[in-house]
Amino acid sequence: MKDTLEDIDRLEAEFKSCQNVLTAFGDEMRQHILCIMLKSECSGIRVLDIAQKTNLSRPAVSHHMQILKHSGLVKSRKEGTCIYYYLDPDDNTLGSLITLFLDVKKIMENVPDRSGELI
């Protein structure tokens, strides 16, 4: 039981460290934007181009892009007056997320079967 409690405490800390990327992935529009970015050129895509493909306003797309940047999934570069966003996830960002999901799976596999206790 003690090991399980320590595992759950560690899991809570992992959830907290992955909060930004979970927030980024948790929104349907940001998922759509990530898919648009995966289909675009490696050199990046502008907010205006994403806005046209999503029917969102430029400010709305900019808001989503800031969340994606803050999560560590997206980076940007400026060329003249244009800002290009591109996918370049930090190894740590995706690695922490993978570890989180593997730990959730491990803990859930060790939870006792409670299906007979349903009311």
N, C-alpha and C. Protein backbone atom coordinates (compact mmCIF):
# COMPACT_ATOMS: atom_id res chain seq x y z
N MET A 1 0.82 -1.20 0.00
CA MET A 1 0.00 0.00 0.00
C MET A 1 0.86 1.27 0.00
N LYS A 2 1.97 1.22 0.79
CA LYS A 2 2.85 2.38 0.88
C LYS A 2 3.44 2.71 -0.49
N ASP A 3 3.87 1.66 -1.24
CA ASP A 3 4.41 1.90 -2.58
C ASP A 3 3.38 2.56 -3.47
N THR A 4 2.13 2.12 -3.37
CA THR A 4 1.06 2.68 -4.20
C THR A 4 0.84 4.15 -3.88
N LEU A 5 0.85 4.50 -2.60
CA LEU A 5 0.67 5.90 -2.21
C LEU A 5 1.82 6.76 -2.71
N GLU A 6 3.04 6.22 -2.62
CA GLU A 6 4.20 6.96 -3.13
C GLU A 6 4.10 7.12 -4.66
N ASP A 7 3.64 6.05 -5.34
CA ASP A 7 3.46 6.12 -6.79
C ASP A 7 2.43 7.19 -7.15
N ILE A 8 1.35 7.25 -6.39
CA ILE A 8 0.30 8.23 -6.67
C ILE A 8 0.79 9.64 -6.38
N ASP A 9 1.57 9.81 -5.32
CA ASP A 9 2.16 11.13 -5.03
C ASP A 9 3.07 11.55 -6.18
N ARG A 10 3.88 10.62 -6.69
CA ARG A 10 4.75 10.92 -7.82
C ARG A 10 3.92 11.26 -9.06
N LEU A 11 2.82 10.52 -9.23
CA LEU A 11 1.93 10.76 -10.37
C LEU A 11 1.34 12.17 -10.31
N GLU A 12 0.97 12.60 -9.12
CA GLU A 12 0.43 13.96 -8.97
C GLU A 12 1.46 15.00 -9.41
N ALA A 13 2.71 14.79 -9.04
CA ALA A 13 3.77 15.71 -9.44
C ALA A 13 3.97 15.67 -10.96
N GLU A 14 3.86 14.49 -11.56
CA GLU A 14 4.00 14.36 -13.01
C GLU A 14 2.86 15.09 -13.72
N PHE A 15 1.64 14.95 -13.20
CA PHE A 15 0.51 15.67 -13.80
C PHE A 15 0.78 17.17 -13.76
N LYS A 16 1.27 17.65 -12.63
CA LYS A 16 1.54 19.08 -12.49
C LYS A 16 2.60 19.54 -13.49
N SER A 17 3.66 18.74 -13.67
CA SER A 17 4.72 19.14 -14.59
C SER A 17 4.27 19.08 -16.05
N CYS A 18 3.26 18.28 -16.33
CA CYS A 18 2.74 18.15 -17.70
C CYS A 18 1.50 19.01 -17.96
N GLN A 19 1.13 19.82 -17.00
CA GLN A 19 -0.11 20.58 -17.09
C GLN A 19 -0.19 21.44 -18.35
N ASN A 20 0.88 22.11 -18.72
CA ASN A 20 0.84 23.00 -19.90
C ASN A 20 0.61 22.22 -21.19
N VAL A 21 1.29 21.10 -21.34
CA VAL A 21 1.12 20.32 -22.57
C VAL A 21 -0.24 19.62 -22.58
N LEU A 22 -0.73 19.19 -21.43
CA LEU A 22 -2.08 18.59 -21.36
C LEU A 22 -3.13 19.64 -21.71
N THR A 23 -2.94 20.86 -21.25
CA THR A 23 -3.85 21.95 -21.60
C THR A 23 -3.82 22.20 -23.10
N ALA A 24 -2.63 22.21 -23.67
CA ALA A 24 -2.49 22.44 -25.11
C ALA A 24 -3.19 21.35 -25.91
N PHE A 25 -2.99 20.11 -25.54
CA PHE A 25 -3.61 18.99 -26.25
C PHE A 25 -5.10 18.86 -25.95
N GLY A 26 -5.54 19.43 -24.84
CA GLY A 26 -6.90 19.23 -24.37
C GLY A 26 -7.98 20.02 -25.11
N ASP A 27 -7.58 20.93 -25.96
CA ASP A 27 -8.54 21.77 -26.67
C ASP A 27 -8.68 21.27 -28.12
N GLU A 28 -9.90 21.06 -28.55
CA GLU A 28 -10.17 20.53 -29.88
C GLU A 28 -9.61 21.43 -31.00
N MET A 29 -9.71 22.73 -30.83
CA MET A 29 -9.20 23.63 -31.86
C MET A 29 -7.67 23.57 -31.92
N ARG A 30 -7.02 23.47 -30.76
CA ARG A 30 -5.56 23.36 -30.79
C ARG A 30 -5.13 22.03 -31.40
N GLN A 31 -5.90 20.99 -31.18
CA GLN A 31 -5.61 19.71 -31.85
C GLN A 31 -5.70 19.90 -33.36
N HIS A 32 -6.72 20.61 -33.80
CA HIS A 32 -6.90 20.88 -35.23
C HIS A 32 -5.73 21.72 -35.78
N ILE A 33 -5.32 22.73 -35.02
CA ILE A 33 -4.20 23.57 -35.43
C ILE A 33 -2.92 22.74 -35.53
N LEU A 34 -2.70 21.85 -34.58
CA LEU A 34 -1.52 20.99 -34.65
C LEU A 34 -1.54 20.13 -35.91
N CYS A 35 -2.70 19.62 -36.27
CA CYS A 35 -2.83 18.81 -37.49
C CYS A 35 -2.57 19.67 -38.73
N ILE A 36 -3.06 20.91 -38.73
CA ILE A 36 -2.78 21.83 -39.84
C ILE A 36 -1.28 22.05 -39.94
N MET A 37 -0.63 22.24 -38.80
CA MET A 37 0.80 22.47 -38.80
C MET A 37 1.56 21.24 -39.30
N LEU A 38 1.10 20.06 -38.96
CA LEU A 38 1.74 18.83 -39.44
C LEU A 38 1.65 18.71 -40.96
N LYS A 39 0.58 19.26 -41.54
CA LYS A 39 0.38 19.21 -42.99
C LYS A 39 1.12 20.33 -43.71
N SER A 40 1.56 21.35 -42.98
CA SER A 40 2.18 22.51 -43.61
C SER A 40 3.68 22.28 -43.83
N GLU A 41 4.31 23.24 -44.47
CA GLU A 41 5.75 23.16 -44.71
C GLU A 41 6.52 23.18 -43.40
N CYS A 42 7.66 22.54 -43.41
CA CYS A 42 8.51 22.49 -42.22
C CYS A 42 8.99 23.88 -41.79
N SER A 43 9.03 24.81 -42.75
CA SER A 43 9.55 26.14 -42.47
C SER A 43 8.62 26.96 -41.58
N GLY A 44 7.38 26.53 -41.43
CA GLY A 44 6.46 27.22 -40.54
C GLY A 44 5.23 27.74 -41.24
N ILE A 45 4.32 28.23 -40.44
CA ILE A 45 3.05 28.74 -40.92
C ILE A 45 2.70 30.00 -40.14
N ARG A 46 2.08 30.94 -40.83
CA ARG A 46 1.71 32.22 -40.20
C ARG A 46 0.31 32.12 -39.59
N VAL A 47 0.05 32.99 -38.63
CA VAL A 47 -1.27 33.05 -37.98
C VAL A 47 -2.36 33.28 -39.02
N LEU A 48 -2.10 34.16 -39.98
CA LEU A 48 -3.09 34.45 -41.02
C LEU A 48 -3.47 33.19 -41.79
N ASP A 49 -2.47 32.36 -42.11
CA ASP A 49 -2.74 31.11 -42.84
C ASP A 49 -3.57 30.14 -42.00
N ILE A 50 -3.25 30.06 -40.72
CA ILE A 50 -4.02 29.18 -39.83
C ILE A 50 -5.44 29.71 -39.69
N ALA A 51 -5.58 31.03 -39.56
CA ALA A 51 -6.90 31.64 -39.43
C ALA A 51 -7.78 31.30 -40.63
N GLN A 52 -7.21 31.36 -41.82
CA GLN A 52 -7.98 31.04 -43.03
C GLN A 52 -8.41 29.59 -43.07
N LYS A 53 -7.59 28.70 -42.54
CA LYS A 53 -7.89 27.27 -42.56
C LYS A 53 -8.84 26.84 -41.44
N THR A 54 -8.99 27.69 -40.43
CA THR A 54 -9.82 27.33 -39.28
C THR A 54 -11.07 28.20 -39.14
N ASN A 55 -11.14 29.27 -39.91
CA ASN A 55 -12.23 30.24 -39.78
C ASN A 55 -12.25 30.91 -38.41
N LEU A 56 -11.09 30.99 -37.78
CA LEU A 56 -10.94 31.73 -36.54
C LEU A 56 -10.37 33.11 -36.86
N SER A 57 -10.57 34.03 -35.94
CA SER A 57 -9.95 35.36 -36.11
C SER A 57 -8.44 35.24 -35.84
N ARG A 58 -7.70 36.21 -36.35
CA ARG A 58 -6.25 36.22 -36.09
C ARG A 58 -5.94 36.29 -34.60
N PRO A 59 -6.66 37.14 -33.83
CA PRO A 59 -6.38 37.16 -32.39
C PRO A 59 -6.66 35.81 -31.71
N ALA A 60 -7.70 35.12 -32.15
CA ALA A 60 -8.01 33.81 -31.56
C ALA A 60 -6.90 32.81 -31.87
N VAL A 61 -6.42 32.82 -33.12
CA VAL A 61 -5.33 31.91 -33.49
C VAL A 61 -4.07 32.28 -32.70
N SER A 62 -3.78 33.56 -32.57
CA SER A 62 -2.60 34.00 -31.80
C SER A 62 -2.67 33.51 -30.37
N HIS A 63 -3.85 33.56 -29.78
CA HIS A 63 -4.06 33.05 -28.41
C HIS A 63 -3.72 31.56 -28.35
N HIS A 64 -4.25 30.79 -29.28
CA HIS A 64 -3.97 29.35 -29.30
C HIS A 64 -2.47 29.08 -29.51
N MET A 65 -1.85 29.87 -30.37
CA MET A 65 -0.43 29.67 -30.64
C MET A 65 0.43 29.97 -29.41
N GLN A 66 0.03 30.95 -28.62
CA GLN A 66 0.77 31.26 -27.39
C GLN A 66 0.68 30.09 -26.41
N ILE A 67 -0.48 29.47 -26.32
CA ILE A 67 -0.64 28.31 -25.44
C ILE A 67 0.22 27.15 -25.94
N LEU A 68 0.23 26.93 -27.25
CA LEU A 68 1.05 25.86 -27.83
C LEU A 68 2.55 26.15 -27.62
N LYS A 69 2.95 27.41 -27.74
CA LYS A 69 4.34 27.78 -27.49
C LYS A 69 4.71 27.56 -26.02
N HIS A 70 3.82 28.00 -25.15
CA HIS A 70 4.06 27.86 -23.70
C HIS A 70 4.19 26.40 -23.30
N SER A 71 3.51 25.52 -24.03
CA SER A 71 3.55 24.09 -23.71
C SER A 71 4.87 23.44 -24.14
N GLY A 72 5.60 24.09 -25.02
CA GLY A 72 6.84 23.53 -25.52
C GLY A 72 6.67 22.71 -26.80
N LEU A 73 5.48 22.72 -27.39
CA LEU A 73 5.23 21.96 -28.61
C LEU A 73 5.57 22.75 -29.88
N VAL A 74 5.44 24.07 -29.79
CA VAL A 74 5.59 24.93 -30.96
C VAL A 74 6.62 26.02 -30.65
N LYS A 75 7.38 26.39 -31.67
CA LYS A 75 8.31 27.51 -31.57
C LYS A 75 7.99 28.50 -32.68
N SER A 76 8.59 29.66 -32.61
CA SER A 76 8.34 30.67 -33.64
C SER A 76 9.64 31.36 -34.02
N ARG A 77 9.61 31.94 -35.21
CA ARG A 77 10.72 32.76 -35.66
C ARG A 77 10.15 33.92 -36.45
N LYS A 78 10.85 35.03 -36.42
CA LYS A 78 10.39 36.24 -37.08
C LYS A 78 11.23 36.49 -38.33
N GLU A 79 10.55 36.75 -39.42
CA GLU A 79 11.21 37.17 -40.67
C GLU A 79 10.55 38.47 -41.10
N GLY A 80 11.26 39.55 -40.95
CA GLY A 80 10.68 40.86 -41.24
C GLY A 80 9.53 41.12 -40.29
N THR A 81 8.35 41.34 -40.85
CA THR A 81 7.17 41.58 -40.00
C THR A 81 6.34 40.32 -39.80
N CYS A 82 6.77 39.22 -40.39
CA CYS A 82 6.01 37.96 -40.31
C CYS A 82 6.58 37.06 -39.22
N ILE A 83 5.68 36.41 -38.49
CA ILE A 83 6.08 35.42 -37.49
C ILE A 83 5.62 34.06 -38.01
N TYR A 84 6.55 33.12 -38.08
CA TYR A 84 6.26 31.77 -38.53
C TYR A 84 6.30 30.82 -37.34
N TYR A 85 5.27 30.02 -37.20
CA TYR A 85 5.19 29.03 -36.13
C TYR A 85 5.49 27.66 -36.72
N TYR A 86 6.25 26.88 -35.99
CA TYR A 86 6.60 25.55 -36.47
C TYR A 86 6.64 24.57 -35.29
N LEU A 87 6.42 23.31 -35.61
CA LEU A 87 6.45 22.27 -34.59
C LEU A 87 7.90 21.91 -34.29
N ASP A 88 8.24 21.96 -33.04
CA ASP A 88 9.57 21.58 -32.59
C ASP A 88 9.48 21.26 -31.10
N PRO A 89 8.79 20.15 -30.79
CA PRO A 89 8.58 19.85 -29.38
C PRO A 89 9.89 19.56 -28.65
N ASP A 90 9.98 20.09 -27.46
CA ASP A 90 11.13 19.78 -26.60
C ASP A 90 11.10 18.29 -26.29
N ASP A 91 12.28 17.66 -26.29
CA ASP A 91 12.33 16.25 -25.91
C ASP A 91 11.75 16.04 -24.53
N ASN A 92 12.02 16.99 -23.64
CA ASN A 92 11.53 16.89 -22.28
C ASN A 92 10.00 16.93 -22.22
N THR A 93 9.39 17.76 -23.06
CA THR A 93 7.93 17.90 -23.06
C THR A 93 7.26 16.57 -23.41
N LEU A 94 7.64 16.00 -24.53
CA LEU A 94 7.03 14.74 -24.96
C LEU A 94 7.47 13.58 -24.08
N GLY A 95 8.72 13.59 -23.65
CA GLY A 95 9.21 12.53 -22.76
C GLY A 95 8.47 12.50 -21.44
N SER A 96 8.21 13.67 -20.87
CA SER A 96 7.47 13.75 -19.61
C SER A 96 6.05 13.26 -19.79
N LEU A 97 5.45 13.58 -20.92
CA LEU A 97 4.08 13.15 -21.20
C LEU A 97 4.02 11.63 -21.37
N ILE A 98 4.97 11.07 -22.07
CA ILE A 98 5.02 9.62 -22.26
C ILE A 98 5.20 8.92 -20.91
N THR A 99 6.10 9.44 -20.08
CA THR A 99 6.32 8.87 -18.75
C THR A 99 5.05 8.94 -17.92
N LEU A 100 4.36 10.08 -17.98
CA LEU A 100 3.10 10.23 -17.24
C LEU A 100 2.11 9.15 -17.64
N PHE A 101 1.89 8.97 -18.94
CA PHE A 101 0.91 7.99 -19.38
C PHE A 101 1.32 6.56 -19.04
N LEU A 102 2.61 6.27 -19.12
CA LEU A 102 3.07 4.93 -18.74
C LEU A 102 2.87 4.69 -17.24
N ASP A 103 3.12 5.71 -16.43
CA ASP A 103 2.91 5.57 -14.99
C ASP A 103 1.43 5.44 -14.64
N VAL A 104 0.57 6.19 -15.34
CA VAL A 104 -0.88 6.05 -15.12
C VAL A 104 -1.29 4.61 -15.45
N LYS A 105 -0.82 4.10 -16.57
CA LYS A 105 -1.15 2.73 -16.98
C LYS A 105 -0.69 1.72 -15.94
N LYS A 106 0.54 1.87 -15.46
CA LYS A 106 1.09 0.95 -14.47
C LYS A 106 0.27 0.96 -13.18
N ILE A 107 -0.07 2.14 -12.71
CA ILE A 107 -0.85 2.25 -11.47
C ILE A 107 -2.24 1.66 -11.67
N MET A 108 -2.86 1.95 -12.81
CA MET A 108 -4.22 1.46 -13.06
C MET A 108 -4.25 -0.07 -13.22
N GLU A 109 -3.18 -0.63 -13.73
CA GLU A 109 -3.11 -2.09 -13.85
C GLU A 109 -3.05 -2.76 -12.49
N ASN A 110 -2.56 -2.04 -11.48
CA ASN A 110 -2.42 -2.61 -10.13
C ASN A 110 -3.58 -2.26 -9.22
N VAL A 111 -4.57 -1.53 -9.72
CA VAL A 111 -5.75 -1.22 -8.92
C VAL A 111 -6.63 -2.46 -8.85
N PRO A 112 -7.12 -2.79 -7.67
CA PRO A 112 -7.97 -3.99 -7.57
C PRO A 112 -9.24 -3.86 -8.42
N ASP A 113 -9.71 -4.98 -8.90
CA ASP A 113 -10.93 -5.02 -9.70
C ASP A 113 -12.12 -4.68 -8.79
N ARG A 114 -12.85 -3.67 -9.16
CA ARG A 114 -14.00 -3.24 -8.37
C ARG A 114 -15.30 -3.40 -9.14
N SER A 115 -15.27 -4.10 -10.24
CA SER A 115 -16.45 -4.20 -11.09
C SER A 115 -17.60 -4.90 -10.39
N GLY A 116 -17.33 -5.75 -9.41
CA GLY A 116 -18.39 -6.43 -8.68
C GLY A 116 -19.05 -5.55 -7.64
N GLU A 117 -18.47 -4.36 -7.39
CA GLU A 117 -19.01 -3.46 -6.36
C GLU A 117 -19.96 -2.42 -6.92
N LEU A 118 -20.25 -2.47 -8.22
CA LEU A 118 -21.12 -1.46 -8.83
C LEU A 118 -22.54 -1.59 -8.30
N ILE A 119 -23.17 -0.48 -8.16
CA ILE A 119 -24.56 -0.46 -7.66
C ILE A 119 -25.50 -0.34 -8.82
